[in-house]
Amino acid sequence: MSARSVALVLNHSESTGTDKVVLLGIAWHMTETEQAGAWPSIERLAAYAKVSTRTVIRSIQHLQELGELDVSRRSEEHTSELQSQ
């Protein structure tokens, strides 16, 4: 858990609603070094936000468009990394 990442989202993110909850979920899973990233599953993020996995995928896409999230995929897993600021 990275309290710093959660605080950055709460204080600086322009996202709202489900997008912000998804971003907070990702921030919650950030490693302490933050360069290593975060890898919560789409299913876990959906459970946090109480939405479908498809809605989480749309939120991740929107967060990328806003420039608030960088996403990299390894194998067939969905992995996400918060953009360093």
C-alpha atoms as a PDB file:
ATOM      1  CA  MET A   1       0.000   0.000   0.000  1.00  0.00           C
ATOM      2  CA  SER A   2       1.224   3.468  -0.792  1.00  0.00           C
ATOM      3  CA  ALA A   3      -0.323   6.220   1.286  1.00  0.00           C
ATOM      4  CA  ARG A   4       1.631   8.735  -0.811  1.00  0.00           C
ATOM      5  CA  SER A   5       0.013   7.493  -4.028  1.00  0.00           C
ATOM      6  CA  VAL A   6      -3.453   7.582  -2.484  1.00  0.00           C
ATOM      7  CA  ALA A   7      -2.818  11.141  -1.248  1.00  0.00           C
ATOM      8  CA  LEU A   8      -1.658  12.193  -4.737  1.00  0.00           C
ATOM      9  CA  VAL A   9      -4.888  10.864  -6.262  1.00  0.00           C
ATOM     10  CA  LEU A  10      -7.069  12.499  -3.605  1.00  0.00           C
ATOM     11  CA  ASN A  11      -5.361  15.872  -3.879  1.00  0.00           C
ATOM     12  CA  HIS A  12      -4.360  16.158  -7.525  1.00  0.00           C
ATOM     13  CA  SER A  13      -6.447  13.908  -9.766  1.00  0.00           C
ATOM     14  CA  GLU A  14      -8.882  15.584 -12.152  1.00  0.00           C
ATOM     15  CA  SER A  15     -10.884  12.345 -12.407  1.00  0.00           C
ATOM     16  CA  THR A  16     -14.294  11.915 -10.793  1.00  0.00           C
ATOM     17  CA  GLY A  17     -16.750   9.169  -9.908  1.00  0.00           C
ATOM     18  CA  THR A  18     -15.882   5.629 -10.926  1.00  0.00           C
ATOM     19  CA  ASP A  19     -12.680   6.760 -12.624  1.00  0.00           C
ATOM     20  CA  LYS A  20     -11.414   8.200  -9.345  1.00  0.00           C
ATOM     21  CA  VAL A  21     -12.364   5.080  -7.368  1.00  0.00           C
ATOM     22  CA  VAL A  22     -10.524   2.911  -9.919  1.00  0.00           C
ATOM     23  CA  LEU A  23      -7.487   5.200  -9.723  1.00  0.00           C
ATOM     24  CA  LEU A  24      -7.592   5.064  -5.913  1.00  0.00           C
ATOM     25  CA  GLY A  25      -7.721   1.266  -6.097  1.00  0.00           C
ATOM     26  CA  ILE A  26      -4.633   1.250  -8.283  1.00  0.00           C
ATOM     27  CA  ALA A  27      -2.908   3.744  -5.968  1.00  0.00           C
ATOM     28  CA  TRP A  28      -3.724   1.523  -2.988  1.00  0.00           C
ATOM     29  CA  HIS A  29      -1.777  -1.296  -4.672  1.00  0.00           C
ATOM     30  CA  MET A  30       1.290   0.795  -5.535  1.00  0.00           C
ATOM     31  CA  THR A  31       4.551  -0.569  -4.217  1.00  0.00           C
ATOM     32  CA  GLU A  32       6.456   1.577  -1.767  1.00  0.00           C
ATOM     33  CA  THR A  33       9.090   2.433  -4.375  1.00  0.00           C
ATOM     34  CA  GLU A  34       6.347   3.511  -6.834  1.00  0.00           C
ATOM     35  CA  GLN A  35       8.671   2.876  -9.782  1.00  0.00           C
ATOM     36  CA  ALA A  36       7.708  -0.786  -9.567  1.00  0.00           C
ATOM     37  CA  GLY A  37       4.029  -0.033 -10.224  1.00  0.00           C
ATOM     38  CA  ALA A  38       0.768  -1.653  -9.188  1.00  0.00           C
ATOM     39  CA  TRP A  39      -0.942  -4.772 -10.451  1.00  0.00           C
ATOM     40  CA  PRO A  40      -4.436  -5.120  -9.002  1.00  0.00           C
ATOM     41  CA  SER A  41      -6.702  -7.299 -11.109  1.00  0.00           C
ATOM     42  CA  ILE A  42      -9.537  -5.801 -13.119  1.00  0.00           C
ATOM     43  CA  GLU A  43     -11.874  -7.931 -10.997  1.00  0.00           C
ATOM     44  CA  ARG A  44     -10.485  -6.489  -7.747  1.00  0.00           C
ATOM     45  CA  LEU A  45     -10.858  -2.921  -9.054  1.00  0.00           C
ATOM     46  CA  ALA A  46     -14.438  -3.729 -10.091  1.00  0.00           C
ATOM     47  CA  ALA A  47     -15.153  -4.994  -6.574  1.00  0.00           C
ATOM     48  CA  TYR A  48     -13.721  -1.806  -5.022  1.00  0.00           C
ATOM     49  CA  ALA A  49     -15.850   0.401  -7.290  1.00  0.00           C
ATOM     50  CA  LYS A  50     -18.927  -1.880  -7.235  1.00  0.00           C
ATOM     51  CA  VAL A  51     -19.061  -1.877 -11.054  1.00  0.00           C
ATOM     52  CA  SER A  52     -18.567  -4.385 -13.868  1.00  0.00           C
ATOM     53  CA  THR A  53     -15.157  -5.334 -15.207  1.00  0.00           C
ATOM     54  CA  ARG A  54     -16.099  -3.669 -18.503  1.00  0.00           C
ATOM     55  CA  THR A  55     -16.726  -0.396 -16.654  1.00  0.00           C
ATOM     56  CA  VAL A  56     -13.279  -0.677 -15.032  1.00  0.00           C
ATOM     57  CA  ILE A  57     -11.695  -1.187 -18.448  1.00  0.00           C
ATOM     58  CA  ARG A  58     -13.472   1.936 -19.738  1.00  0.00           C
ATOM     59  CA  SER A  59     -12.310   3.873 -16.665  1.00  0.00           C
ATOM     60  CA  ILE A  60      -8.718   2.789 -17.231  1.00  0.00           C
ATOM     61  CA  GLN A  61      -8.964   3.909 -20.857  1.00  0.00           C
ATOM     62  CA  HIS A  62     -10.395   7.267 -19.777  1.00  0.00           C
ATOM     63  CA  LEU A  63      -7.666   7.711 -17.149  1.00  0.00           C
ATOM     64  CA  GLN A  64      -5.080   7.074 -19.859  1.00  0.00           C
ATOM     65  CA  GLU A  65      -6.717   9.706 -22.076  1.00  0.00           C
ATOM     66  CA  LEU A  66      -6.585  12.172 -19.162  1.00  0.00           C
ATOM     67  CA  GLY A  67      -2.889  11.413 -18.778  1.00  0.00           C
ATOM     68  CA  GLU A  68      -3.365  10.221 -15.206  1.00  0.00           C
ATOM     69  CA  LEU A  69      -2.442   6.592 -15.816  1.00  0.00           C
ATOM     70  CA  ASP A  70       0.196   4.732 -17.792  1.00  0.00           C
ATOM     71  CA  VAL A  71      -0.695   1.123 -18.567  1.00  0.00           C
ATOM     72  CA  SER A  72       1.587  -1.662 -19.611  1.00  0.00           C
ATOM     73  CA  ARG A  73       0.515  -5.216 -20.245  1.00  0.00           C
ATOM     74  CA  ARG A  74       2.597  -8.279 -19.566  1.00  0.00           C
ATOM     75  CA  SER A  75       1.557 -11.609 -21.038  1.00  0.00           C
ATOM     76  CA  GLU A  76      -2.200 -11.751 -20.937  1.00  0.00           C
ATOM     77  CA  GLU A  77      -2.504 -10.046 -17.580  1.00  0.00           C
ATOM     78  CA  HIS A  78      -3.784  -6.511 -17.258  1.00  0.00           C
ATOM     79  CA  THR A  79      -1.243  -4.470 -15.348  1.00  0.00           C
ATOM     80  CA  SER A  80      -1.414  -0.835 -14.484  1.00  0.00           C
ATOM     81  CA  GLU A  81       1.048   1.715 -13.274  1.00  0.00           C
ATOM     82  CA  LEU A  82       0.327   5.154 -11.947  1.00  0.00           C
ATOM     83  CA  GLN A  83       2.090   7.877 -13.891  1.00  0.00           C
ATOM     84  CA  SER A  84       4.971   9.346 -11.899  1.00  0.00           C
ATOM     85  CA  GLN A  85       4.654  13.061 -11.456  1.00  0.00           C
END
